[in-house]
Amino acid sequence: MKYTKYPELKAELKTLAKEIRYWKHRRDHWMEYDKLQWYYQLEVLRRAHTFRIKHIAYCLLRGRKYEEIEQPAKYNKPSWRWIEEVMDKYKEKETCFSSEQ
Protein backbone atom coordinates (compact mmCIF):
# COMPACT_ATOMS: atom_id res chain seq x y z
CA MET A 1 0.00 0.00 0.00
CA LYS A 2 1.26 3.45 -0.90
CA TYR A 3 2.21 5.74 2.00
CA THR A 4 0.37 9.05 2.04
CA LYS A 5 1.73 12.07 3.86
CA TYR A 6 -0.78 13.59 6.27
CA PRO A 7 -3.40 10.81 5.96
CA GLU A 8 -5.68 12.35 8.62
CA LEU A 9 -5.88 15.65 6.75
CA LYS A 10 -6.54 13.84 3.48
CA ALA A 11 -9.34 11.85 5.14
CA GLU A 12 -10.86 15.07 6.48
CA LEU A 13 -10.80 16.57 2.99
CA LYS A 14 -12.58 13.51 1.59
CA THR A 15 -15.22 13.70 4.31
CA LEU A 16 -15.77 17.40 3.70
CA ALA A 17 -16.14 16.78 -0.04
CA LYS A 18 -18.83 14.16 0.64
CA GLU A 19 -20.64 16.53 3.00
CA ILE A 20 -20.54 19.34 0.45
CA ARG A 21 -22.05 17.06 -2.20
CA TYR A 22 -24.77 15.97 0.26
CA TRP A 23 -25.76 19.53 1.20
CA LYS A 24 -25.65 20.69 -2.43
CA HIS A 25 -28.03 17.89 -3.31
CA ARG A 26 -30.36 18.94 -0.49
CA ARG A 27 -30.15 22.57 -1.61
CA ASP A 28 -30.87 21.74 -5.24
CA HIS A 29 -33.97 19.75 -4.30
CA TRP A 30 -35.37 22.41 -2.01
CA MET A 31 -38.91 22.36 -3.38
CA GLU A 32 -39.96 20.01 -0.59
CA TYR A 33 -38.15 22.09 2.02
CA ASP A 34 -38.67 25.64 0.73
CA LYS A 35 -38.32 27.25 4.18
CA LEU A 36 -34.93 25.63 4.71
CA GLN A 37 -33.20 26.54 1.45
CA TRP A 38 -31.15 29.25 3.16
CA TYR A 39 -29.99 26.71 5.75
CA TYR A 40 -28.79 24.28 3.09
CA GLN A 41 -26.91 27.03 1.29
CA LEU A 42 -25.29 28.09 4.57
CA GLU A 43 -24.14 24.50 5.23
CA VAL A 44 -22.61 24.31 1.74
CA LEU A 45 -20.75 27.60 2.22
CA ARG A 46 -19.43 26.65 5.66
CA ARG A 47 -18.03 23.36 4.47
CA ALA A 48 -16.68 24.83 1.23
CA HIS A 49 -14.75 27.49 3.14
CA THR A 50 -13.31 24.90 5.53
CA PHE A 51 -12.41 22.67 2.59
CA ARG A 52 -10.61 25.52 0.84
CA ILE A 53 -8.50 26.34 3.91
CA LYS A 54 -7.60 22.69 4.56
CA HIS A 55 -6.91 22.00 0.89
CA ILE A 56 -4.46 24.90 0.63
CA ALA A 57 -2.75 23.77 3.85
CA TYR A 58 -2.55 20.16 2.60
CA CYS A 59 -0.98 21.20 -0.70
CA LEU A 60 1.50 23.54 0.99
CA LEU A 61 2.50 20.79 3.43
CA ARG A 62 3.21 18.52 0.49
CA GLY A 63 5.53 21.11 -1.05
CA ARG A 64 3.46 22.91 -3.66
CA LYS A 65 3.60 26.66 -4.09
CA TYR A 66 0.48 28.74 -3.46
CA GLU A 67 0.46 29.98 -7.05
CA GLU A 68 0.18 26.35 -8.22
CA ILE A 69 -2.78 25.68 -5.93
CA GLU A 70 -5.08 28.56 -6.81
CA GLN A 71 -5.23 32.04 -8.25
CA PRO A 72 -8.02 33.81 -6.36
CA ALA A 73 -9.70 37.06 -7.31
CA LYS A 74 -8.27 40.27 -5.91
CA TYR A 75 -10.68 40.39 -2.95
CA ASN A 76 -10.95 36.65 -2.34
CA LYS A 77 -7.71 35.95 -0.49
CA PRO A 78 -7.67 33.04 1.96
CA SER A 79 -7.16 33.47 5.68
CA TRP A 80 -3.46 32.75 6.14
CA ARG A 81 -3.83 32.63 9.91
CA TRP A 82 -6.21 29.66 9.65
CA ILE A 83 -4.04 27.98 7.04
CA GLU A 84 -1.01 28.28 9.31
CA GLU A 85 -3.01 26.87 12.25
CA VAL A 86 -3.97 23.81 10.20
CA MET A 87 -0.40 23.37 8.96
CA ASP A 88 1.02 23.64 12.49
CA LYS A 89 -1.50 21.13 13.80
CA TYR A 90 -0.64 18.52 11.20
CA LYS A 91 3.11 19.18 11.19
CA GLU A 92 3.12 18.29 14.89
CA LYS A 93 1.19 15.09 14.24
CA GLU A 94 3.48 14.11 11.36
CA THR A 95 6.65 14.65 13.41
CA CYS A 96 5.20 12.62 16.29
CA PHE A 97 4.27 9.82 13.88
CA SER A 98 7.67 9.75 12.17
CA SER A 99 9.61 9.81 15.47
CA GLU A 100 7.75 6.70 16.73
CA GLN A 101 9.01 4.55 13.85
PDB file of N, CA and C in Angstrom:
ATOM      1  N   MET A   1       0.841  -1.180   0.000  1.00  0.00           N
ATOM      2  CA  MET A   1       0.000   0.000   0.000  1.00  0.00           C
ATOM      3  C   MET A   1       0.885   1.242   0.000  1.00  0.00           C
ATOM      4  N   LYS A   2       0.493   2.229  -0.764  1.00  0.00           N
ATOM      5  CA  LYS A   2       1.260   3.455  -0.903  1.00  0.00           C
ATOM      6  C   LYS A   2       1.112   4.324   0.340  1.00  0.00           C
ATOM      7  N   TYR A   3       2.231   4.857   0.840  1.00  0.00           N
ATOM      8  CA  TYR A   3       2.210   5.740   1.998  1.00  0.00           C
ATOM      9  C   TYR A   3       1.763   7.128   1.564  1.00  0.00           C
ATOM     10  N   THR A   4       0.852   7.710   2.301  1.00  0.00           N
ATOM     11  CA  THR A   4       0.371   9.053   2.035  1.00  0.00           C
ATOM     12  C   THR A   4       0.802   9.965   3.167  1.00  0.00           C
ATOM     13  N   LYS A   5       1.400  11.087   2.831  1.00  0.00           N
ATOM     14  CA  LYS A   5       1.728  12.068   3.856  1.00  0.00           C
ATOM     15  C   LYS A   5       0.431  12.705   4.342  1.00  0.00           C
ATOM     16  N   TYR A   6       0.366  12.930   5.637  1.00  0.00           N
ATOM     17  CA  TYR A   6      -0.777  13.587   6.265  1.00  0.00           C
ATOM     18  C   TYR A   6      -2.095  12.869   5.951  1.00  0.00           C
ATOM     19  N   PRO A   7      -2.196  11.578   6.291  1.00  0.00           N
ATOM     20  CA  PRO A   7      -3.400  10.814   5.958  1.00  0.00           C
ATOM     21  C   PRO A   7      -4.650  11.317   6.677  1.00  0.00           C
ATOM     22  N   GLU A   8      -4.505  11.849   7.898  1.00  0.00           N
ATOM     23  CA  GLU A   8      -5.677  12.352   8.620  1.00  0.00           C
ATOM     24  C   GLU A   8      -6.264  13.570   7.915  1.00  0.00           C
ATOM     25  N   LEU A   9      -5.403  14.459   7.451  1.00  0.00           N
ATOM     26  CA  LEU A   9      -5.875  15.652   6.748  1.00  0.00           C
ATOM     27  C   LEU A   9      -6.528  15.265   5.430  1.00  0.00           C
ATOM     28  N   LYS A  10      -5.949  14.295   4.749  1.00  0.00           N
ATOM     29  CA  LYS A  10      -6.537  13.838   3.483  1.00  0.00           C
ATOM     30  C   LYS A  10      -7.915  13.217   3.716  1.00  0.00           C
ATOM     31  N   ALA A  11      -8.046  12.448   4.806  1.00  0.00           N
ATOM     32  CA  ALA A  11      -9.339  11.847   5.141  1.00  0.00           C
ATOM     33  C   ALA A  11     -10.369  12.919   5.478  1.00  0.00           C
ATOM     34  N   GLU A  12      -9.944  13.967   6.172  1.00  0.00           N
ATOM     35  CA  GLU A  12     -10.857  15.072   6.481  1.00  0.00           C
ATOM     36  C   GLU A  12     -11.332  15.764   5.203  1.00  0.00           C
ATOM     37  N   LEU A  13     -10.420  15.944   4.256  1.00  0.00           N
ATOM     38  CA  LEU A  13     -10.801  16.565   2.985  1.00  0.00           C
ATOM     39  C   LEU A  13     -11.823  15.711   2.238  1.00  0.00           C
ATOM     40  N   LYS A  14     -11.622  14.401   2.257  1.00  0.00           N
ATOM     41  CA  LYS A  14     -12.576  13.512   1.591  1.00  0.00           C
ATOM     42  C   LYS A  14     -13.945  13.576   2.260  1.00  0.00           C
ATOM     43  N   THR A  15     -13.956  13.607   3.583  1.00  0.00           N
ATOM     44  CA  THR A  15     -15.217  13.698   4.312  1.00  0.00           C
ATOM     45  C   THR A  15     -15.922  15.016   4.015  1.00  0.00           C
ATOM     46  N   LEU A  16     -15.172  16.098   4.013  1.00  0.00           N
ATOM     47  CA  LEU A  16     -15.766  17.401   3.698  1.00  0.00           C
ATOM     48  C   LEU A  16     -16.340  17.425   2.283  1.00  0.00           C
ATOM     49  N   ALA A  17     -15.645  16.821   1.347  1.00  0.00           N
ATOM     50  CA  ALA A  17     -16.142  16.782  -0.037  1.00  0.00           C
ATOM     51  C   ALA A  17     -17.470  16.025  -0.114  1.00  0.00           C
ATOM     52  N   LYS A  18     -17.575  14.915   0.619  1.00  0.00           N
ATOM     53  CA  LYS A  18     -18.833  14.165   0.644  1.00  0.00           C
ATOM     54  C   LYS A  18     -19.952  14.991   1.263  1.00  0.00           C
ATOM     55  N   GLU A  19     -19.630  15.699   2.349  1.00  0.00           N
ATOM     56  CA  GLU A  19     -20.639  16.526   3.001  1.00  0.00           C
ATOM     57  C   GLU A  19     -21.094  17.665   2.096  1.00  0.00           C
ATOM     58  N   ILE A  20     -20.171  18.268   1.376  1.00  0.00           N
ATOM     59  CA  ILE A  20     -20.535  19.343   0.446  1.00  0.00           C
ATOM     60  C   ILE A  20     -21.483  18.814  -0.624  1.00  0.00           C
ATOM     61  N   ARG A  21     -21.164  17.646  -1.182  1.00  0.00           N
ATOM     62  CA  ARG A  21     -22.050  17.060  -2.202  1.00  0.00           C
ATOM     63  C   ARG A  21     -23.437  16.773  -1.628  1.00  0.00           C
ATOM     64  N   TYR A  22     -23.486  16.277  -0.390  1.00  0.00           N
ATOM     65  CA  TYR A  22     -24.771  15.973   0.257  1.00  0.00           C
ATOM     66  C   TYR A  22     -25.607  17.243   0.415  1.00  0.00           C
ATOM     67  N   TRP A  23     -24.999  18.310   0.959  1.00  0.00           N
ATOM     68  CA  TRP A  23     -25.755  19.534   1.203  1.00  0.00           C
ATOM     69  C   TRP A  23     -26.117  20.239  -0.101  1.00  0.00           C
ATOM     70  N   LYS A  24     -25.284  20.122  -1.135  1.00  0.00           N
ATOM     71  CA  LYS A  24     -25.650  20.694  -2.432  1.00  0.00           C
ATOM     72  C   LYS A  24     -26.867  19.969  -3.004  1.00  0.00           C
ATOM     73  N   HIS A  25     -26.889  18.655  -2.841  1.00  0.00           N
ATOM     74  CA  HIS A  25     -28.032  17.890  -3.312  1.00  0.00           C
ATOM     75  C   HIS A  25     -29.298  18.323  -2.580  1.00  0.00           C
ATOM     76  N   ARG A  26     -29.200  18.486  -1.269  1.00  0.00           N
ATOM     77  CA  ARG A  26     -30.362  18.941  -0.491  1.00  0.00           C
ATOM     78  C   ARG A  26     -30.796  20.326  -0.941  1.00  0.00           C
ATOM     79  N   ARG A  27     -29.832  21.203  -1.186  1.00  0.00           N
ATOM     80  CA  ARG A  27     -30.146  22.568  -1.610  1.00  0.00           C
ATOM     81  C   ARG A  27     -30.826  22.577  -2.971  1.00  0.00           C
ATOM     82  N   ASP A  28     -30.332  21.752  -3.884  1.00  0.00           N
ATOM     83  CA  ASP A  28     -30.871  21.743  -5.242  1.00  0.00           C
ATOM     84  C   ASP A  28     -32.263  21.144  -5.323  1.00  0.00           C
ATOM     85  N   HIS A  29     -32.632  20.354  -4.333  1.00  0.00           N
ATOM     86  CA  HIS A  29     -33.967  19.753  -4.302  1.00  0.00           C
ATOM     87  C   HIS A  29     -34.772  20.370  -3.167  1.00  0.00           C
ATOM     88  N   TRP A  30     -34.778  21.684  -3.119  1.00  0.00           N
ATOM     89  CA  TRP A  30     -35.370  22.412  -2.009  1.00  0.00           C
ATOM     90  C   TRP A  30     -36.868  22.580  -2.120  1.00  0.00           C
ATOM     91  N   MET A  31     -37.471  22.168  -3.206  1.00  0.00           N
ATOM     92  CA  MET A  31     -38.914  22.356  -3.383  1.00  0.00           C
ATOM     93  C   MET A  31     -39.697  21.787  -2.202  1.00  0.00           C
ATOM     94  N   GLU A  32     -39.260  20.633  -1.707  1.00  0.00           N
ATOM     95  CA  GLU A  32     -39.958  20.013  -0.586  1.00  0.00           C
ATOM     96  C   GLU A  32     -39.718  20.789   0.706  1.00  0.00           C
ATOM     97  N   TYR A  33     -38.579  21.441   0.780  1.00  0.00           N
ATOM     98  CA  TYR A  33     -38.149  22.089   2.022  1.00  0.00           C
ATOM     99  C   TYR A  33     -37.941  23.590   1.796  1.00  0.00           C
ATOM    100  N   ASP A  34     -38.908  24.271   1.173  1.00  0.00           N
ATOM    101  CA  ASP A  34     -38.672  25.641   0.731  1.00  0.00           C
ATOM    102  C   ASP A  34     -38.265  26.590   1.851  1.00  0.00           C
ATOM    103  N   LYS A  35     -38.680  26.346   3.087  1.00  0.00           N
ATOM    104  CA  LYS A  35     -38.323  27.250   4.177  1.00  0.00           C
ATOM    105  C   LYS A  35     -36.890  27.024   4.652  1.00  0.00           C
ATOM    106  N   LEU A  36     -36.273  25.944   4.242  1.00  0.00           N
ATOM    107  CA  LEU A  36     -34.933  25.629   4.707  1.00  0.00           C
ATOM    108  C   LEU A  36     -33.854  25.823   3.643  1.00  0.00           C
ATOM    109  N   GLN A  37     -34.193  26.380   2.518  1.00  0.00           N
ATOM    110  CA  GLN A  37     -33.205  26.537   1.455  1.00  0.00           C
ATOM    111  C   GLN A  37     -32.013  27.358   1.926  1.00  0.00           C
ATOM    112  N   TRP A  38     -32.236  28.415   2.664  1.00  0.00           N
ATOM    113  CA  TRP A  38     -31.148  29.253   3.165  1.00  0.00           C
ATOM    114  C   TRP A  38     -30.215  28.449   4.064  1.00  0.00           C
ATOM    115  N   TYR A  39     -30.792  27.538   4.844  1.00  0.00           N
ATOM    116  CA  TYR A  39     -29.993  26.714   5.753  1.00  0.00           C
ATOM    117  C   TYR A  39     -29.078  25.779   4.964  1.00  0.00           C
ATOM    118  N   TYR A  40     -29.597  25.176   3.905  1.00  0.00           N
ATOM    119  CA  TYR A  40     -28.786  24.276   3.087  1.00  0.00           C
ATOM    120  C   TYR A  40     -27.641  25.028   2.419  1.00  0.00           C
ATOM    121  N   GLN A  41     -27.955  26.238   1.921  1.00  0.00           N
ATOM    122  CA  GLN A  41     -26.907  27.031   1.292  1.00  0.00           C
ATOM    123  C   GLN A  41     -25.839  27.412   2.314  1.00  0.00           C
ATOM    124  N   LEU A  42     -26.236  27.742   3.517  1.00  0.00           N
ATOM    125  CA  LEU A  42     -25.287  28.085   4.570  1.00  0.00           C
ATOM    126  C   LEU A  42     -24.377  26.898   4.896  1.00  0.00           C
ATOM    127  N   GLU A  43     -24.936  25.704   4.959  1.00  0.00           N
ATOM    128  CA  GLU A  43     -24.142  24.501   5.227  1.00  0.00           C
ATOM    129  C   GLU A  43     -23.127  24.242   4.118  1.00  0.00           C
ATOM    130  N   VAL A  44     -23.531  24.472   2.877  1.00  0.00           N
ATOM    131  CA  VAL A  44     -22.606  24.305   1.745  1.00  0.00           C
ATOM    132  C   VAL A  44     -21.459  25.306   1.865  1.00  0.00           C
ATOM    133  N   LEU A  45     -21.780  26.561   2.138  1.00  0.00           N
ATOM    134  CA  LEU A  45     -20.751  27.603   2.219  1.00  0.00           C
ATOM    135  C   LEU A  45     -19.786  27.366   3.372  1.00  0.00           C
ATOM    136  N   ARG A  46     -20.306  26.943   4.517  1.00  0.00           N
ATOM    137  CA  ARG A  46     -19.430  26.652   5.664  1.00  0.00           C
ATOM    138  C   ARG A  46     -18.416  25.575   5.322  1.00  0.00           C
ATOM    139  N   ARG A  47     -18.914  24.485   4.776  1.00  0.00           N
ATOM    140  CA  ARG A  47     -18.029  23.364   4.468  1.00  0.00           C
ATOM    141  C   ARG A  47     -17.075  23.691   3.320  1.00  0.00           C
ATOM    142  N   ALA A  48     -17.541  24.460   2.356  1.00  0.00           N
ATOM    143  CA  ALA A  48     -16.685  24.834   1.229  1.00  0.00           C
ATOM    144  C   ALA A  48     -15.534  25.722   1.703  1.00  0.00           C
ATOM    145  N   HIS A  49     -15.810  26.625   2.620  1.00  0.00           N
ATOM    146  CA  HIS A  49     -14.748  27.485   3.145  1.00  0.00           C
ATOM    147  C   HIS A  49     -13.730  26.660   3.928  1.00  0.00           C
ATOM    148  N   THR A  50     -14.205  25.765   4.770  1.00  0.00           N
ATOM    149  CA  THR A  50     -13.309  24.899   5.534  1.00  0.00           C
ATOM    150  C   THR A  50     -12.484  24.029   4.597  1.00  0.00           C
ATOM    151  N   PHE A  51     -13.114  23.495   3.560  1.00  0.00           N
ATOM    152  CA  PHE A  51     -12.406  22.665   2.589  1.00  0.00           C
ATOM    153  C   PHE A  51     -11.298  23.463   1.913  1.00  0.00           C
ATOM    154  N   ARG A  52     -11.605  24.694   1.527  1.00  0.00           N
ATOM    155  CA  ARG A  52     -10.606  25.521   0.843  1.00  0.00           C
ATOM    156  C   ARG A  52      -9.381  25.735   1.728  1.00  0.00           C
ATOM    157  N   ILE A  53      -9.603  26.086   2.983  1.00  0.00           N
ATOM    158  CA  ILE A  53      -8.505  26.336   3.910  1.00  0.00           C
ATOM    159  C   ILE A  53      -7.660  25.068   4.081  1.00  0.00           C
ATOM    160  N   LYS A  54      -8.325  23.935   4.328  1.00  0.00           N
ATOM    161  CA  LYS A  54      -7.597  22.688   4.561  1.00  0.00           C
ATOM    162  C   LYS A  54      -6.906  22.194   3.296  1.00  0.00           C
ATOM    163  N   HIS A  55      -7.514  22.417   2.143  1.00  0.00           N
ATOM    164  CA  HIS A  55      -6.910  21.995   0.885  1.00  0.00           C
ATOM    165  C   HIS A  55      -5.629  22.778   0.612  1.00  0.00           C
ATOM    166  N   ILE A  56      -5.668  24.085   0.826  1.00  0.00           N
ATOM    167  CA  ILE A  56      -4.464  24.900   0.633  1.00  0.00           C
ATOM    168  C   ILE A  56      -3.372  24.440   1.591  1.00  0.00           C
ATOM    169  N   ALA A  57      -3.738  24.214   2.858  1.00  0.00           N
ATOM    170  CA  ALA A  57      -2.750  23.767   3.850  1.00  0.00           C
ATOM    171  C   ALA A  57      -2.162  22.414   3.454  1.00  0.00           C
ATOM    172  N   TYR A  58      -3.003  21.489   3.005  1.00  0.00           N
ATOM    173  CA  TYR A  58      -2.546  20.158   2.604  1.00  0.00           C
ATOM    174  C   TYR A  58      -1.544  20.252   1.445  1.00  0.00           C
ATOM    175  N   CYS A  59      -1.870  21.058   0.451  1.00  0.00           N
ATOM    176  CA  CYS A  59      -0.977  21.198  -0.699  1.00  0.00           C
ATOM    177  C   CYS A  59       0.341  21.862  -0.307  1.00  0.00           C
ATOM    178  N   LEU A  60       0.272  22.877   0.548  1.00  0.00           N
ATOM    179  CA  LEU A  60       1.496  23.542   0.992  1.00  0.00           C
ATOM    180  C   LEU A  60       2.367  22.589   1.807  1.00  0.00           C
ATOM    181  N   LEU A  61       1.751  21.766   2.646  1.00  0.00           N
ATOM    182  CA  LEU A  61       2.503  20.791   3.431  1.00  0.00           C
ATOM    183  C   LEU A  61       3.216  19.785   2.536  1.00  0.00           C
ATOM    184  N   ARG A  62       2.617  19.483   1.416  1.00  0.00           N
ATOM    185  CA  ARG A  62       3.211  18.521   0.493  1.00  0.00           C
ATOM    186  C   ARG A  62       4.228  19.158  -0.451  1.00  0.00           C
ATOM    187  N   GLY A  63       4.462  20.470  -0.309  1.00  0.00           N
ATOM    188  CA  GLY A  63       5.533  21.107  -1.051  1.00  0.00           C
ATOM    189  C   GLY A  63       5.139  21.910  -2.271  1.00  0.00           C
ATOM    190  N   ARG A  64       3.864  22.109  -2.507  1.00  0.00           N
ATOM    191  CA  ARG A  64       3.463  22.912  -3.658  1.00  0.00           C
ATOM    192  C   ARG A  64       3.484  24.390  -3.299  1.00  0.00           C
ATOM    193  N   LYS A  65       3.628  25.213  -4.297  1.00  0.00           N
ATOM    194  CA  LYS A  65       3.598  26.658  -4.094  1.00  0.00           C
ATOM    195  C   LYS A  65       2.145  27.128  -4.169  1.00  0.00           C
ATOM    196  N   TYR A  66       1.856  28.228  -3.480  1.00  0.00           N
ATOM    197  CA  TYR A  66       0.483  28.744  -3.455  1.00  0.00           C
ATOM    198  C   TYR A  66      -0.012  29.077  -4.862  1.00  0.00           C
ATOM    199  N   GLU A  67       0.862  29.615  -5.693  1.00  0.00           N
ATOM    200  CA  GLU A  67       0.463  29.979  -7.053  1.00  0.00           C
ATOM    201  C   GLU A  67       0.038  28.757  -7.863  1.00  0.00           C
ATOM    202  N   GLU A  68       0.563  27.587  -7.527  1.00  0.00           N
ATOM    203  CA  GLU A  68       0.179  26.354  -8.219  1.00  0.00           C
ATOM    204  C   GLU A  68      -1.172  25.829  -7.727  1.00  0.00           C
ATOM    205  N   ILE A  69      -1.546  26.202  -6.525  1.00  0.00           N
ATOM    206  CA  ILE A  69      -2.781  25.678  -5.930  1.00  0.00           C
ATOM    207  C   ILE A  69      -3.990  26.436  -6.442  1.00  0.00           C
ATOM    208  N   GLU A  70      -3.945  27.762  -6.356  1.00  0.00           N
ATOM    209  CA  GLU A  70      -5.078  28.565  -6.813  1.00  0.00           C
ATOM    210  C   GLU A  70      -4.626  29.975  -7.158  1.00  0.00           C
ATOM    211  N   GLN A  71      -5.454  30.649  -7.923  1.00  0.00           N
ATOM    212  CA  GLN A  71      -5.233  32.044  -8.252  1.00  0.00           C
ATOM    213  C   GLN A  71      -6.535  32.789  -7.975  1.00  0.00           C
ATOM    214  N   PRO A  72      -6.741  33.200  -6.719  1.00  0.00           N
ATOM    215  CA  PRO A  72      -8.018  33.813  -6.356  1.00  0.00           C
ATOM    216  C   PRO A  72      -8.182  35.218  -6.914  1.00  0.00           C
ATOM    217  N   ALA A  73      -9.413  35.686  -6.897  1.00  0.00           N
ATOM    218  CA  ALA A  73      -9.697  37.057  -7.306  1.00  0.00           C
ATOM    219  C   ALA A  73      -9.050  38.028  -6.319  1.00  0.00           C
ATOM    220  N   LYS A  74      -8.965  39.263  -6.713  1.00  0.00           N
ATOM    221  CA  LYS A  74      -8.272  40.270  -5.914  1.00  0.00           C
ATOM    222  C   LYS A  74      -8.793  40.339  -4.478  1.00  0.00           C
ATOM    223  N   TYR A  75     -10.087  40.259  -4.284  1.00  0.00           N
ATOM    224  CA  TYR A  75     -10.681  40.392  -2.950  1.00  0.00           C
ATOM    225  C   TYR A  75     -11.132  39.060  -2.360  1.00  0.00           C
ATOM    226  N   ASN A  76     -10.563  37.971  -2.830  1.00  0.00           N
ATOM    227  CA  ASN A  76     -10.952  36.645  -2.339  1.00  0.00           C
ATOM    228  C   ASN A  76      -9.728  35.894  -1.804  1.00  0.00           C
ATOM    229  N   LYS A  77      -8.913  36.573  -1.046  1.00  0.00           N
ATOM    230  CA  LYS A  77      -7.706  35.954  -0.493  1.00  0.00           C
ATOM    231  C   LYS A  77      -8.091  35.039   0.669  1.00  0.00           C
ATOM    232  N   PRO A  78      -7.375  33.938   0.836  1.00  0.00           N
ATOM    233  CA  PRO A  78      -7.668  33.039   1.959  1.00  0.00           C
ATOM    234  C   PRO A  78      -7.139  33.610   3.271  1.00  0.00           C
ATOM    235  N   SER A  79      -7.613  33.056   4.369  1.00  0.00           N
ATOM    236  CA  SER A  79      -7.156  33.468   5.684  1.00  0.00           C
ATOM    237  C   SER A  79      -5.871  32.719   6.016  1.00  0.00           C
ATOM    238  N   TRP A  80      -4.745  33.398   5.917  1.00  0.00           N
ATOM    239  CA  TRP A  80      -3.460  32.749   6.144  1.00  0.00           C
ATOM    240  C   TRP A  80      -3.280  32.321   7.590  1.00  0.00           C
ATOM    241  N   ARG A  81      -3.930  33.017   8.507  1.00  0.00           N
ATOM    242  CA  ARG A  81      -3.833  32.632   9.911  1.00  0.00           C
ATOM    243  C   ARG A  81      -4.423  31.240  10.112  1.00  0.00           C
ATOM    244  N   TRP A  82      -5.582  30.980   9.516  1.00  0.00           N
ATOM    245  CA  TRP A  82      -6.214  29.660   9.646  1.00  0.00           C
ATOM    246  C   TRP A  82      -5.402  28.589   8.929  1.00  0.00           C
ATOM    247  N   ILE A  83      -4.856  28.939   7.777  1.00  0.00           N
ATOM    248  CA  ILE A  83      -4.039  27.976   7.038  1.00  0.00           C
ATOM    249  C   ILE A  83      -2.820  27.582   7.867  1.00  0.00           C
ATOM    250  N   GLU A  84      -2.185  28.568   8.472  1.00  0.00           N
ATOM    251  CA  GLU A  84      -1.014  28.279   9.308  1.00  0.00           C
ATOM    252  C   GLU A  84      -1.385  27.436  10.528  1.00  0.00           C
ATOM    253  N   GLU A  85      -2.554  27.683  11.119  1.00  0.00           N
ATOM    254  CA  GLU A  85      -3.014  26.871  12.255  1.00  0.00           C
ATOM    255  C   GLU A  85      -3.175  25.409  11.843  1.00  0.00           C
ATOM    256  N   VAL A  86      -3.780  25.182  10.683  1.00  0.00           N
ATOM    257  CA  VAL A  86      -3.970  23.811  10.198  1.00  0.00           C
ATOM    258  C   VAL A  86      -2.612  23.174   9.909  1.00  0.00           C
ATOM    259  N   MET A  87      -1.726  23.915   9.281  1.00  0.00           N
ATOM    260  CA  MET A  87      -0.405  23.373   8.963  1.00  0.00           C
ATOM    261  C   MET A  87       0.367  23.031  10.231  1.00  0.00           C
ATOM    262  N   ASP A  88       0.322  23.911  11.229  1.00  0.00           N
ATOM    263  CA  ASP A  88       1.021  23.641  12.488  1.00  0.00           C
ATOM    264  C   ASP A  88       0.464  22.403  13.176  1.00  0.00           C
ATOM    265  N   LYS A  89      -0.847  22.278  13.163  1.00  0.00           N
ATOM    266  CA  LYS A  89      -1.498  21.129  13.801  1.00  0.00           C
ATOM    267  C   LYS A  89      -1.031  19.813  13.172  1.00  0.00           C
ATOM    268  N   TYR A  90      -0.990  19.767  11.860  1.00  0.00           N
ATOM    269  CA  TYR A  90      -0.635  18.520  11.196  1.00  0.00           C
ATOM    270  C   TYR A  90       0.867  18.294  11.102  1.00  0.00           C
ATOM    271  N   LYS A  91       1.651  19.352  11.133  1.00  0.00           N
ATOM    272  CA  LYS A  91       3.105  19.181  11.188  1.00  0.00           C
ATOM    273  C   LYS A  91       3.486  18.495  12.493  1.00  0.00           C
ATOM    274  N   GLU A  92       2.839  18.905  13.592  1.00  0.00           N
ATOM    275  CA  GLU A  92       3.118  18.291  14.890  1.00  0.00           C
ATOM    276  C   GLU A  92       2.758  16.809  14.867  1.00  0.00           C
ATOM    277  N   LYS A  93       1.604  16.487  14.306  1.00  0.00           N
ATOM    278  CA  LYS A  93       1.188  15.089  14.244  1.00  0.00           C
ATOM    279  C   LYS A  93       2.137  14.272  13.390  1.00  0.00           C
ATOM    280  N   GLU A  94       2.582  14.836  12.269  1.00  0.00           N
ATOM    281  CA  GLU A  94       3.477  14.109  11.362  1.00  0.00           C
ATOM    282  C   GLU A  94       4.827  13.860  12.025  1.00  0.00           C
ATOM    283  N   THR A  95       5.357  14.848  12.751  1.00  0.00           N
ATOM    284  CA  THR A  95       6.648  14.649  13.410  1.00  0.00           C
ATOM    285  C   THR A  95       6.529  13.633  14.535  1.00  0.00           C
ATOM    286  N   CYS A  96       5.405  13.623  15.253  1.00  0.00           N
ATOM    287  CA  CYS A  96       5.197  12.620  16.294  1.00  0.00           C
ATOM    288  C   CYS A  96       5.122  11.227  15.685  1.00  0.00           C
ATOM    289  N   PHE A  97       4.428  11.122  14.550  1.00  0.00           N
ATOM    290  CA  PHE A  97       4.274   9.823  13.883  1.00  0.00           C
ATOM    291  C   PHE A  97       5.609   9.317  13.364  1.00  0.00           C
ATOM    292  N   SER A  98       6.396  10.183  12.765  1.00  0.00           N
ATOM    293  CA  SER A  98       7.666   9.751  12.174  1.00  0.00           C
ATOM    294  C   SER A  98       8.718   9.435  13.257  1.00  0.00           C
ATOM    295  N   SER A  99       8.634  10.082  14.426  1.00  0.00           N
ATOM    296  CA  SER A  99       9.612   9.805  15.470  1.00  0.00           C
ATOM    297  C   SER A  99       9.330   8.480  16.181  1.00  0.00           C
ATOM    298  N   GLU A 100       8.088   7.978  16.090  1.00  0.00           N
ATOM    299  CA  GLU A 100       7.752   6.700  16.730  1.00  0.00           C
ATOM    300  C   GLU A 100       8.308   5.513  15.946  1.00  0.00           C
ATOM    301  N   GLN A 101       8.561   5.682  14.670  1.00  0.00           N
ATOM    302  CA  GLN A 101       9.013   4.547  13.847  1.00  0.00           C
ATOM    303  C   GLN A 101      10.467   4.253  14.034  1.00  0.00           C
TER     304      GLN A 101
END
